[in-house]
Amino acid sequence: MKVLVTDKLADEAIKLLKENGLEVKYEELDHDGILREIENYDAIIVRSRTKVTADIIEKGAKGKLKVIGRAGIGVDNIDVNKATEVGIKVVNAPTGSTKSVAELAFAHMLALARFIPKADSSMRRGEWLKKQLRGIELYGKTLGLIGSGNIAQHMARIAKGFGMNVLVYSPHCTDEKAKKMGAKRASLEEVLRESDFVSIHIPHTEETHHLLNKKNLSLMKPTAYLINCARGGIVNEEDLYELLKEGKIAGAALDVFEQEPPSPDNKLLKLENVTLTPHLGANTKEAQIKAGTICAEQVIKALRGEEPDHWVNKP
């Protein structure tokens, strides 16, 4: 059986596929290139760059395609509904980048609290802004988590180590689950109103699109910070820009954007109270190996007729 890999995958994952008797072709194809090739493959593995659209899935279903693997957590770049409709399994690697994403989100919190980007750039300009860059401690502050999955849980563990209080909002979170996280369950409004730092850890779906907007972001303290290392589109960027510019929110850290890469005209890129990274959440050596090998394992199981552990569209 043949597997098409269209985004860079860890060598360890490629090796695992081949050791299990699969023929692997790696090529960073565009949409039309995939459309031409897909009928000849039993599986396709992608990361976030490749969009597995309905027409690709439909064409693959007419050929050999049985499995779509996502070497990562989010599957918003895959038309899961179409895959389900034509009987193609979608699998992912939801635990591969847990620690890396949580650590980046926490690094952003520290950078915001201590003005690290501004301190660095001012030093390089020959300035000494010691008095102007008075930060805050994380100890005793409240971290509000939007989401209660693997990444949010790891964020809570780190935060407790820093002596922070943790609130968590998620429709799927019970009081018992929150307690296991070392957190207190709260409504979205309570998280936004009471937290000193709000960190987003949910998928981008129709339900969560622009979940955070001017109306509810206005509940945040003027001293509070927003961190998004989840997905672009969850936050209304235009609304966030207005609130940051007006000083209604102290600052924000963004690793993800509604359009990636963001347009040079994106006004958030011009604000000094915004810390920016180019979607680096899962971009560590460890996360890439784990995400790739976990995804490869799921694809191998699915092609063997076994039930994958991480089957996104399981009936």
C-alpha atoms as a PDB file:
ATOM      1  CA  MET A   1       0.000   0.000   0.000  1.00  0.00           C
ATOM      2  CA  LYS A   2       1.087   3.564  -0.730  1.00  0.00           C
ATOM      3  CA  VAL A   3       1.146   6.682   1.447  1.00  0.00           C
ATOM      4  CA  LEU A   4       1.426  10.239   0.113  1.00  0.00           C
ATOM      5  CA  VAL A   5       3.112  12.706   2.486  1.00  0.00           C
ATOM      6  CA  THR A   6       2.682  16.318   1.379  1.00  0.00           C
ATOM      7  CA  ASP A   7       4.221  18.188   4.322  1.00  0.00           C
ATOM      8  CA  LYS A   8       7.574  17.707   6.010  1.00  0.00           C
ATOM      9  CA  LEU A   9       7.352  14.740   8.372  1.00  0.00           C
ATOM     10  CA  ALA A  10       9.915  13.594  10.938  1.00  0.00           C
ATOM     11  CA  ASP A  11      12.364  11.004   9.615  1.00  0.00           C
ATOM     12  CA  GLU A  12      11.331   8.709  12.441  1.00  0.00           C
ATOM     13  CA  ALA A  13       7.734   8.722  11.162  1.00  0.00           C
ATOM     14  CA  ILE A  14       8.780   7.976   7.571  1.00  0.00           C
ATOM     15  CA  LYS A  15      10.960   5.142   8.833  1.00  0.00           C
ATOM     16  CA  LEU A  16       8.060   3.695  10.846  1.00  0.00           C
ATOM     17  CA  LEU A  17       5.774   3.706   7.800  1.00  0.00           C
ATOM     18  CA  LYS A  18       8.377   1.951   5.655  1.00  0.00           C
ATOM     19  CA  GLU A  19       9.193  -0.610   8.352  1.00  0.00           C
ATOM     20  CA  ASN A  20       5.523  -1.584   8.275  1.00  0.00           C
ATOM     21  CA  GLY A  21       5.636  -2.329   4.568  1.00  0.00           C
ATOM     22  CA  LEU A  22       4.210   0.928   3.225  1.00  0.00           C
ATOM     23  CA  GLU A  23       5.537   2.658   0.137  1.00  0.00           C
ATOM     24  CA  VAL A  24       6.007   6.348   0.954  1.00  0.00           C
ATOM     25  CA  LYS A  25       6.187   9.295  -1.423  1.00  0.00           C
ATOM     26  CA  TYR A  26       7.073  12.693   0.042  1.00  0.00           C
ATOM     27  CA  GLU A  27       6.398  15.739  -2.104  1.00  0.00           C
ATOM     28  CA  GLU A  28       5.095  19.190  -1.129  1.00  0.00           C
ATOM     29  CA  LEU A  29       2.332  19.245  -3.726  1.00  0.00           C
ATOM     30  CA  ASP A  30      -0.143  22.066  -4.179  1.00  0.00           C
ATOM     31  CA  HIS A  31      -3.893  21.486  -4.407  1.00  0.00           C
ATOM     32  CA  ASP A  32      -3.875  20.579  -8.113  1.00  0.00           C
ATOM     33  CA  GLY A  33      -0.885  18.293  -7.680  1.00  0.00           C
ATOM     34  CA  ILE A  34      -2.612  16.361  -4.906  1.00  0.00           C
ATOM     35  CA  LEU A  35      -5.796  16.177  -6.974  1.00  0.00           C
ATOM     36  CA  ARG A  36      -3.851  14.511  -9.813  1.00  0.00           C
ATOM     37  CA  GLU A  37      -2.129  11.988  -7.539  1.00  0.00           C
ATOM     38  CA  ILE A  38      -4.573  11.153  -4.760  1.00  0.00           C
ATOM     39  CA  GLU A  39      -6.444   8.278  -6.482  1.00  0.00           C
ATOM     40  CA  ASN A  40      -3.247   6.212  -6.466  1.00  0.00           C
ATOM     41  CA  TYR A  41      -2.702   6.315  -2.708  1.00  0.00           C
ATOM     42  CA  ASP A  42      -4.213   4.392   0.196  1.00  0.00           C
ATOM     43  CA  ALA A  43      -3.439   7.190   2.660  1.00  0.00           C
ATOM     44  CA  ILE A  44      -2.337  10.801   2.776  1.00  0.00           C
ATOM     45  CA  ILE A  45      -0.509  12.404   5.701  1.00  0.00           C
ATOM     46  CA  VAL A  46      -0.428  16.176   6.125  1.00  0.00           C
ATOM     47  CA  ARG A  47       0.473  18.827   8.661  1.00  0.00           C
ATOM     48  CA  SER A  48      -1.100  22.301   8.706  1.00  0.00           C
ATOM     49  CA  ARG A  49       0.065  23.593   5.298  1.00  0.00           C
ATOM     50  CA  THR A  50      -1.883  21.184   3.106  1.00  0.00           C
ATOM     51  CA  LYS A  51      -5.621  21.674   2.777  1.00  0.00           C
ATOM     52  CA  VAL A  52      -7.419  18.349   2.208  1.00  0.00           C
ATOM     53  CA  THR A  53     -10.495  19.739   0.518  1.00  0.00           C
ATOM     54  CA  ALA A  54     -13.775  18.098  -0.473  1.00  0.00           C
ATOM     55  CA  ASP A  55     -12.758  17.670  -4.122  1.00  0.00           C
ATOM     56  CA  ILE A  56      -9.486  15.972  -3.120  1.00  0.00           C
ATOM     57  CA  ILE A  57     -11.357  13.618  -0.794  1.00  0.00           C
ATOM     58  CA  GLU A  58     -14.013  12.840  -3.386  1.00  0.00           C
ATOM     59  CA  LYS A  59     -11.362  12.077  -6.010  1.00  0.00           C
ATOM     60  CA  GLY A  60      -9.438   9.904  -3.533  1.00  0.00           C
ATOM     61  CA  ALA A  61     -12.574   7.966  -2.626  1.00  0.00           C
ATOM     62  CA  LYS A  62     -13.000   6.993  -6.273  1.00  0.00           C
ATOM     63  CA  GLY A  63      -9.554   5.436  -6.110  1.00  0.00           C
ATOM     64  CA  LYS A  64      -7.720   3.752  -3.218  1.00  0.00           C
ATOM     65  CA  LEU A  65      -7.857   6.400  -0.482  1.00  0.00           C
ATOM     66  CA  LYS A  66      -8.873   4.972   2.901  1.00  0.00           C
ATOM     67  CA  VAL A  67      -7.169   7.183   5.493  1.00  0.00           C
ATOM     68  CA  ILE A  68      -6.254  10.854   5.996  1.00  0.00           C
ATOM     69  CA  GLY A  69      -3.649  11.424   8.691  1.00  0.00           C
ATOM     70  CA  ARG A  70      -3.007  14.767  10.378  1.00  0.00           C
ATOM     71  CA  ALA A  71       0.399  14.934  12.072  1.00  0.00           C
ATOM     72  CA  GLY A  72      -0.846  17.289  14.757  1.00  0.00           C
ATOM     73  CA  ILE A  73      -3.968  18.210  16.685  1.00  0.00           C
ATOM     74  CA  GLY A  74      -6.204  20.486  14.633  1.00  0.00           C
ATOM     75  CA  VAL A  75      -8.090  19.113  11.634  1.00  0.00           C
ATOM     76  CA  ASP A  76      -9.528  22.415  10.409  1.00  0.00           C
ATOM     77  CA  ASN A  77      -7.469  21.987   7.226  1.00  0.00           C
ATOM     78  CA  ILE A  78      -9.324  18.741   6.452  1.00  0.00           C
ATOM     79  CA  ASP A  79     -12.929  18.511   5.280  1.00  0.00           C
ATOM     80  CA  VAL A  80     -13.879  15.952   7.916  1.00  0.00           C
ATOM     81  CA  ASN A  81     -17.558  15.998   6.944  1.00  0.00           C
ATOM     82  CA  LYS A  82     -16.774  15.017   3.351  1.00  0.00           C
ATOM     83  CA  ALA A  83     -14.374  12.296   4.534  1.00  0.00           C
ATOM     84  CA  THR A  84     -17.090  10.893   6.806  1.00  0.00           C
ATOM     85  CA  GLU A  85     -19.621  11.049   3.984  1.00  0.00           C
ATOM     86  CA  VAL A  86     -17.459   8.939   1.648  1.00  0.00           C
ATOM     87  CA  GLY A  87     -16.236   6.546   4.367  1.00  0.00           C
ATOM     88  CA  ILE A  88     -12.630   7.712   4.711  1.00  0.00           C
ATOM     89  CA  LYS A  89     -11.080   7.624   8.191  1.00  0.00           C
ATOM     90  CA  VAL A  90      -9.459  10.787   9.553  1.00  0.00           C
ATOM     91  CA  VAL A  91      -6.829  10.252  12.246  1.00  0.00           C
ATOM     92  CA  ASN A  92      -4.591  12.702  14.088  1.00  0.00           C
ATOM     93  CA  ALA A  93      -1.976  13.023  16.830  1.00  0.00           C
ATOM     94  CA  PRO A  94      -3.641  15.002  19.611  1.00  0.00           C
ATOM     95  CA  THR A  95      -0.924  14.465  22.221  1.00  0.00           C
ATOM     96  CA  GLY A  96       2.154  14.972  20.073  1.00  0.00           C
ATOM     97  CA  SER A  97       2.636  18.693  20.650  1.00  0.00           C
ATOM     98  CA  THR A  98       0.987  19.114  24.054  1.00  0.00           C
ATOM     99  CA  LYS A  99       4.073  20.158  25.989  1.00  0.00           C
ATOM    100  CA  SER A 100       5.571  22.262  23.192  1.00  0.00           C
ATOM    101  CA  VAL A 101       2.430  24.367  22.686  1.00  0.00           C
ATOM    102  CA  ALA A 102       1.898  24.823  26.425  1.00  0.00           C
ATOM    103  CA  GLU A 103       5.508  25.868  26.898  1.00  0.00           C
ATOM    104  CA  LEU A 104       5.275  28.425  24.086  1.00  0.00           C
ATOM    105  CA  ALA A 105       2.077  29.878  25.546  1.00  0.00           C
ATOM    106  CA  PHE A 106       3.778  30.156  28.914  1.00  0.00           C
ATOM    107  CA  ALA A 107       6.868  31.712  27.330  1.00  0.00           C
ATOM    108  CA  HIS A 108       4.562  34.334  25.821  1.00  0.00           C
ATOM    109  CA  MET A 109       3.082  35.007  29.262  1.00  0.00           C
ATOM    110  CA  LEU A 110       6.545  35.620  30.701  1.00  0.00           C
ATOM    111  CA  ALA A 111       7.504  37.795  27.731  1.00  0.00           C
ATOM    112  CA  LEU A 112       4.408  39.943  28.240  1.00  0.00           C
ATOM    113  CA  ALA A 113       4.838  40.158  32.013  1.00  0.00           C
ATOM    114  CA  ARG A 114       8.469  41.315  31.755  1.00  0.00           C
ATOM    115  CA  PHE A 115       8.413  43.225  28.425  1.00  0.00           C
ATOM    116  CA  ILE A 116      11.126  40.946  27.022  1.00  0.00           C
ATOM    117  CA  PRO A 117      10.637  41.758  23.288  1.00  0.00           C
ATOM    118  CA  LYS A 118      10.633  45.515  23.949  1.00  0.00           C
ATOM    119  CA  ALA A 119      13.622  45.239  26.296  1.00  0.00           C
ATOM    120  CA  ASP A 120      15.579  43.280  23.705  1.00  0.00           C
ATOM    121  CA  SER A 121      14.816  45.614  20.788  1.00  0.00           C
ATOM    122  CA  SER A 122      15.518  48.758  22.860  1.00  0.00           C
ATOM    123  CA  MET A 123      18.874  47.385  24.006  1.00  0.00           C
ATOM    124  CA  ARG A 124      19.856  46.788  20.390  1.00  0.00           C
ATOM    125  CA  ARG A 125      19.049  50.452  19.688  1.00  0.00           C
ATOM    126  CA  GLY A 126      21.479  51.463  22.431  1.00  0.00           C
ATOM    127  CA  GLU A 127      18.737  52.383  24.932  1.00  0.00           C
ATOM    128  CA  TRP A 128      18.586  51.551  28.645  1.00  0.00           C
ATOM    129  CA  LEU A 129      14.906  51.492  29.632  1.00  0.00           C
ATOM    130  CA  LYS A 130      15.365  50.025  33.099  1.00  0.00           C
ATOM    131  CA  LYS A 131      12.896  52.382  34.810  1.00  0.00           C
ATOM    132  CA  GLN A 132      10.286  52.312  32.037  1.00  0.00           C
ATOM    133  CA  LEU A 133      10.011  48.520  31.757  1.00  0.00           C
ATOM    134  CA  ARG A 134       8.588  47.665  35.155  1.00  0.00           C
ATOM    135  CA  GLY A 135       6.866  44.285  34.825  1.00  0.00           C
ATOM    136  CA  ILE A 136       4.737  42.088  37.035  1.00  0.00           C
ATOM    137  CA  GLU A 137       5.206  38.738  38.746  1.00  0.00           C
ATOM    138  CA  LEU A 138       3.166  35.714  37.715  1.00  0.00           C
ATOM    139  CA  TYR A 139       3.056  34.560  41.338  1.00  0.00           C
ATOM    140  CA  GLY A 140      -0.387  35.119  42.830  1.00  0.00           C
ATOM    141  CA  LYS A 141      -1.919  36.137  39.497  1.00  0.00           C
ATOM    142  CA  THR A 142      -4.875  34.356  37.888  1.00  0.00           C
ATOM    143  CA  LEU A 143      -4.535  32.401  34.655  1.00  0.00           C
ATOM    144  CA  GLY A 144      -7.778  31.843  32.785  1.00  0.00           C
ATOM    145  CA  LEU A 145      -7.823  28.887  30.424  1.00  0.00           C
ATOM    146  CA  ILE A 146     -10.315  28.658  27.586  1.00  0.00           C
ATOM    147  CA  GLY A 147     -10.375  24.916  26.936  1.00  0.00           C
ATOM    148  CA  SER A 148      -9.680  21.922  29.146  1.00  0.00           C
ATOM    149  CA  GLY A 149      -7.876  19.499  26.834  1.00  0.00           C
ATOM    150  CA  ASN A 150      -4.333  18.150  26.995  1.00  0.00           C
ATOM    151  CA  ILE A 151      -2.607  21.491  26.386  1.00  0.00           C
ATOM    152  CA  ALA A 152      -4.777  23.402  28.852  1.00  0.00           C
ATOM    153  CA  GLN A 153      -4.145  20.720  31.465  1.00  0.00           C
ATOM    154  CA  HIS A 154      -0.379  21.051  31.003  1.00  0.00           C
ATOM    155  CA  MET A 155      -0.687  24.843  31.173  1.00  0.00           C
ATOM    156  CA  ALA A 156      -2.457  24.455  34.510  1.00  0.00           C
ATOM    157  CA  ARG A 157       0.354  22.265  35.849  1.00  0.00           C
ATOM    158  CA  ILE A 158       2.992  24.821  34.880  1.00  0.00           C
ATOM    159  CA  ALA A 159       0.934  27.695  36.288  1.00  0.00           C
ATOM    160  CA  LYS A 160       0.539  25.970  39.655  1.00  0.00           C
ATOM    161  CA  GLY A 161       4.315  25.623  39.783  1.00  0.00           C
ATOM    162  CA  PHE A 162       4.546  29.402  39.415  1.00  0.00           C
ATOM    163  CA  GLY A 163       2.079  29.903  42.261  1.00  0.00           C
ATOM    164  CA  MET A 164      -0.773  31.073  40.040  1.00  0.00           C
ATOM    165  CA  ASN A 165      -4.494  30.627  40.526  1.00  0.00           C
ATOM    166  CA  VAL A 166      -6.196  28.886  37.591  1.00  0.00           C
ATOM    167  CA  LEU A 167      -9.711  29.284  36.195  1.00  0.00           C
ATOM    168  CA  VAL A 168     -10.947  27.095  33.348  1.00  0.00           C
ATOM    169  CA  TYR A 169     -13.838  27.468  30.951  1.00  0.00           C
ATOM    170  CA  SER A 170     -14.981  24.688  28.642  1.00  0.00           C
ATOM    171  CA  PRO A 171     -18.414  23.261  27.830  1.00  0.00           C
ATOM    172  CA  HIS A 172     -16.802  19.842  28.349  1.00  0.00           C
ATOM    173  CA  CYS A 173     -15.242  20.584  31.731  1.00  0.00           C
ATOM    174  CA  THR A 174     -16.851  19.313  34.923  1.00  0.00           C
ATOM    175  CA  ASP A 175     -16.061  20.438  38.461  1.00  0.00           C
ATOM    176  CA  GLU A 176     -14.232  17.144  38.994  1.00  0.00           C
ATOM    177  CA  LYS A 177     -12.081  17.592  35.887  1.00  0.00           C
ATOM    178  CA  ALA A 178     -11.249  21.160  36.859  1.00  0.00           C
ATOM    179  CA  LYS A 179     -10.248  20.000  40.329  1.00  0.00           C
ATOM    180  CA  LYS A 180      -7.894  17.391  38.837  1.00  0.00           C
ATOM    181  CA  MET A 181      -6.320  20.207  36.812  1.00  0.00           C
ATOM    182  CA  GLY A 182      -5.812  22.211  39.989  1.00  0.00           C
ATOM    183  CA  ALA A 183      -8.266  24.762  38.638  1.00  0.00           C
ATOM    184  CA  LYS A 184     -11.703  26.188  39.328  1.00  0.00           C
ATOM    185  CA  ARG A 185     -14.426  25.815  36.700  1.00  0.00           C
ATOM    186  CA  ALA A 186     -15.901  29.124  35.553  1.00  0.00           C
ATOM    187  CA  SER A 187     -18.027  30.624  32.817  1.00  0.00           C
ATOM    188  CA  LEU A 188     -16.388  32.310  29.833  1.00  0.00           C
ATOM    189  CA  GLU A 189     -17.422  35.696  31.199  1.00  0.00           C
ATOM    190  CA  GLU A 190     -15.917  34.906  34.627  1.00  0.00           C
ATOM    191  CA  VAL A 191     -12.642  33.784  33.054  1.00  0.00           C
ATOM    192  CA  LEU A 192     -12.376  36.987  31.020  1.00  0.00           C
ATOM    193  CA  ARG A 193     -13.433  39.263  33.884  1.00  0.00           C
ATOM    194  CA  GLU A 194     -11.284  37.776  36.664  1.00  0.00           C
ATOM    195  CA  SER A 195      -8.063  36.640  34.943  1.00  0.00           C
ATOM    196  CA  ASP A 196      -4.780  38.486  34.661  1.00  0.00           C
ATOM    197  CA  PHE A 197      -3.779  36.273  31.735  1.00  0.00           C
ATOM    198  CA  VAL A 198      -6.211  34.486  29.408  1.00  0.00           C
ATOM    199  CA  SER A 199      -4.827  31.646  27.289  1.00  0.00           C
ATOM    200  CA  ILE A 200      -6.821  29.997  24.494  1.00  0.00           C
ATOM    201  CA  HIS A 201      -6.680  26.224  23.954  1.00  0.00           C
ATOM    202  CA  ILE A 202      -9.666  25.172  21.821  1.00  0.00           C
ATOM    203  CA  PRO A 203     -10.084  24.174  18.153  1.00  0.00           C
ATOM    204  CA  HIS A 204     -11.344  26.586  15.513  1.00  0.00           C
ATOM    205  CA  THR A 205     -14.794  25.448  14.404  1.00  0.00           C
ATOM    206  CA  GLU A 206     -17.988  27.089  13.233  1.00  0.00           C
ATOM    207  CA  GLU A 207     -19.058  27.288  16.883  1.00  0.00           C
ATOM    208  CA  THR A 208     -15.797  28.870  18.085  1.00  0.00           C
ATOM    209  CA  HIS A 209     -15.290  31.278  15.160  1.00  0.00           C
ATOM    210  CA  HIS A 210     -14.880  34.756  16.678  1.00  0.00           C
ATOM    211  CA  LEU A 211     -15.839  33.329  20.052  1.00  0.00           C
ATOM    212  CA  LEU A 212     -13.771  36.154  21.498  1.00  0.00           C
ATOM    213  CA  ASN A 213     -14.981  39.504  20.241  1.00  0.00           C
ATOM    214  CA  LYS A 214     -15.376  43.109  21.330  1.00  0.00           C
ATOM    215  CA  LYS A 215     -18.401  42.353  23.488  1.00  0.00           C
ATOM    216  CA  ASN A 216     -16.773  39.752  25.724  1.00  0.00           C
ATOM    217  CA  LEU A 217     -13.132  40.848  25.427  1.00  0.00           C
ATOM    218  CA  SER A 218     -14.277  44.181  26.860  1.00  0.00           C
ATOM    219  CA  LEU A 219     -14.857  42.306  30.125  1.00  0.00           C
ATOM    220  CA  MET A 220     -11.113  41.838  30.582  1.00  0.00           C
ATOM    221  CA  LYS A 221      -9.180  43.993  33.041  1.00  0.00           C
ATOM    222  CA  PRO A 222      -7.224  46.858  31.468  1.00  0.00           C
ATOM    223  CA  THR A 223      -4.151  45.247  33.082  1.00  0.00           C
ATOM    224  CA  ALA A 224      -4.830  41.790  31.602  1.00  0.00           C
ATOM    225  CA  TYR A 225      -3.187  39.971  28.703  1.00  0.00           C
ATOM    226  CA  LEU A 226      -4.556  37.607  26.039  1.00  0.00           C
ATOM    227  CA  ILE A 227      -2.510  34.698  24.635  1.00  0.00           C
ATOM    228  CA  ASN A 228      -3.538  32.703  21.565  1.00  0.00           C
ATOM    229  CA  CYS A 229      -1.407  29.715  20.603  1.00  0.00           C
ATOM    230  CA  ALA A 230      -4.420  27.698  19.430  1.00  0.00           C
ATOM    231  CA  ARG A 231      -5.913  28.757  16.083  1.00  0.00           C
ATOM    232  CA  GLY A 232      -6.568  31.969  14.225  1.00  0.00           C
ATOM    233  CA  GLY A 233     -10.228  32.838  13.794  1.00  0.00           C
ATOM    234  CA  ILE A 234     -11.167  32.170  17.414  1.00  0.00           C
ATOM    235  CA  VAL A 235     -10.399  35.817  18.155  1.00  0.00           C
ATOM    236  CA  ASN A 236     -11.878  38.626  16.091  1.00  0.00           C
ATOM    237  CA  GLU A 237      -8.625  40.382  15.160  1.00  0.00           C
ATOM    238  CA  GLU A 238     -10.268  43.696  14.282  1.00  0.00           C
ATOM    239  CA  ASP A 239     -11.984  43.843  17.681  1.00  0.00           C
ATOM    240  CA  LEU A 240      -8.783  42.841  19.479  1.00  0.00           C
ATOM    241  CA  TYR A 241      -6.842  45.573  17.675  1.00  0.00           C
ATOM    242  CA  GLU A 242      -9.318  48.249  18.759  1.00  0.00           C
ATOM    243  CA  LEU A 243      -9.238  47.164  22.405  1.00  0.00           C
ATOM    244  CA  LEU A 244      -5.435  46.981  22.470  1.00  0.00           C
ATOM    245  CA  LYS A 245      -5.028  50.341  20.784  1.00  0.00           C
ATOM    246  CA  GLU A 246      -7.471  51.996  23.186  1.00  0.00           C
ATOM    247  CA  GLY A 247      -5.729  50.441  26.210  1.00  0.00           C
ATOM    248  CA  LYS A 248      -8.789  48.430  27.212  1.00  0.00           C
ATOM    249  CA  ILE A 249      -6.485  45.361  27.334  1.00  0.00           C
ATOM    250  CA  ALA A 250      -2.838  45.656  28.387  1.00  0.00           C
ATOM    251  CA  GLY A 251      -1.411  43.401  25.712  1.00  0.00           C
ATOM    252  CA  ALA A 252      -1.630  40.213  23.695  1.00  0.00           C
ATOM    253  CA  ALA A 253       0.607  37.431  22.408  1.00  0.00           C
ATOM    254  CA  LEU A 254      -0.319  35.761  19.126  1.00  0.00           C
ATOM    255  CA  ASP A 255       1.178  32.669  17.540  1.00  0.00           C
ATOM    256  CA  VAL A 256      -1.761  32.155  15.159  1.00  0.00           C
ATOM    257  CA  PHE A 257      -3.722  34.402  12.826  1.00  0.00           C
ATOM    258  CA  GLU A 258      -6.907  34.425  10.752  1.00  0.00           C
ATOM    259  CA  GLN A 259      -4.723  34.584   7.640  1.00  0.00           C
ATOM    260  CA  GLU A 260      -1.346  32.830   7.731  1.00  0.00           C
ATOM    261  CA  PRO A 261       1.081  34.311   7.069  1.00  0.00           C
ATOM    262  CA  PRO A 262      -0.715  37.497   8.133  1.00  0.00           C
ATOM    263  CA  SER A 263      -0.887  40.318   5.631  1.00  0.00           C
ATOM    264  CA  PRO A 264       1.744  43.060   6.116  1.00  0.00           C
ATOM    265  CA  ASP A 265      -1.283  45.357   6.439  1.00  0.00           C
ATOM    266  CA  ASN A 266      -2.542  43.483   9.522  1.00  0.00           C
ATOM    267  CA  LYS A 267      -2.796  46.279  12.087  1.00  0.00           C
ATOM    268  CA  LEU A 268      -1.924  43.983  14.993  1.00  0.00           C
ATOM    269  CA  LEU A 269       1.613  43.766  13.623  1.00  0.00           C
ATOM    270  CA  LYS A 270       2.049  47.491  14.222  1.00  0.00           C
ATOM    271  CA  LEU A 271       1.198  47.516  17.938  1.00  0.00           C
ATOM    272  CA  GLU A 272       3.997  47.579  20.522  1.00  0.00           C
ATOM    273  CA  ASN A 273       1.889  45.793  23.139  1.00  0.00           C
ATOM    274  CA  VAL A 274       1.557  42.668  20.978  1.00  0.00           C
ATOM    275  CA  THR A 275       4.117  39.847  20.970  1.00  0.00           C
ATOM    276  CA  LEU A 276       4.174  37.824  17.755  1.00  0.00           C
ATOM    277  CA  THR A 277       5.489  34.434  16.633  1.00  0.00           C
ATOM    278  CA  PRO A 278       4.914  32.642  13.289  1.00  0.00           C
ATOM    279  CA  HIS A 279       2.795  29.632  14.390  1.00  0.00           C
ATOM    280  CA  LEU A 280       5.642  28.020  16.339  1.00  0.00           C
ATOM    281  CA  GLY A 281       3.491  26.096  18.833  1.00  0.00           C
ATOM    282  CA  ALA A 282       4.338  22.582  17.665  1.00  0.00           C
ATOM    283  CA  ASN A 283       7.596  23.579  16.024  1.00  0.00           C
ATOM    284  CA  THR A 284      10.049  21.764  18.279  1.00  0.00           C
ATOM    285  CA  LYS A 285      12.173  18.744  17.505  1.00  0.00           C
ATOM    286  CA  GLU A 286      10.389  16.685  20.152  1.00  0.00           C
ATOM    287  CA  ALA A 287       6.872  17.634  19.078  1.00  0.00           C
ATOM    288  CA  GLN A 288       7.561  16.928  15.410  1.00  0.00           C
ATOM    289  CA  ILE A 289       8.898  13.461  16.182  1.00  0.00           C
ATOM    290  CA  LYS A 290       5.980  12.636  18.499  1.00  0.00           C
ATOM    291  CA  ALA A 291       3.286  14.055  16.220  1.00  0.00           C
ATOM    292  CA  GLY A 292       4.744  12.325  13.154  1.00  0.00           C
ATOM    293  CA  THR A 293       5.192   8.914  14.755  1.00  0.00           C
ATOM    294  CA  ILE A 294       1.800   8.978  16.516  1.00  0.00           C
ATOM    295  CA  CYS A 295       0.098   9.880  13.230  1.00  0.00           C
ATOM    296  CA  ALA A 296       2.045   7.168  11.386  1.00  0.00           C
ATOM    297  CA  GLU A 297       0.927   4.611  13.982  1.00  0.00           C
ATOM    298  CA  GLN A 298      -2.708   5.620  13.482  1.00  0.00           C
ATOM    299  CA  VAL A 299      -2.452   5.363   9.689  1.00  0.00           C
ATOM    300  CA  ILE A 300      -0.811   1.937   9.942  1.00  0.00           C
ATOM    301  CA  LYS A 301      -3.581   0.680  12.251  1.00  0.00           C
ATOM    302  CA  ALA A 302      -6.315   2.024   9.984  1.00  0.00           C
ATOM    303  CA  LEU A 303      -4.798   0.465   6.859  1.00  0.00           C
ATOM    304  CA  ARG A 304      -4.566  -2.879   8.664  1.00  0.00           C
ATOM    305  CA  GLY A 305      -8.253  -2.708   9.470  1.00  0.00           C
ATOM    306  CA  GLU A 306      -7.615  -2.095  13.159  1.00  0.00           C
ATOM    307  CA  GLU A 307      -9.300   0.667  15.138  1.00  0.00           C
ATOM    308  CA  PRO A 308      -7.074   3.743  15.497  1.00  0.00           C
ATOM    309  CA  ASP A 309      -6.604   5.266  18.950  1.00  0.00           C
ATOM    310  CA  HIS A 310      -7.147   8.781  17.596  1.00  0.00           C
ATOM    311  CA  TRP A 311      -9.968   8.404  15.086  1.00  0.00           C
ATOM    312  CA  VAL A 312     -11.423  11.864  14.505  1.00  0.00           C
ATOM    313  CA  ASN A 313     -14.589  10.846  12.630  1.00  0.00           C
ATOM    314  CA  LYS A 314     -15.294   7.569  14.376  1.00  0.00           C
ATOM    315  CA  PRO A 315     -18.969   6.628  13.895  1.00  0.00           C
END
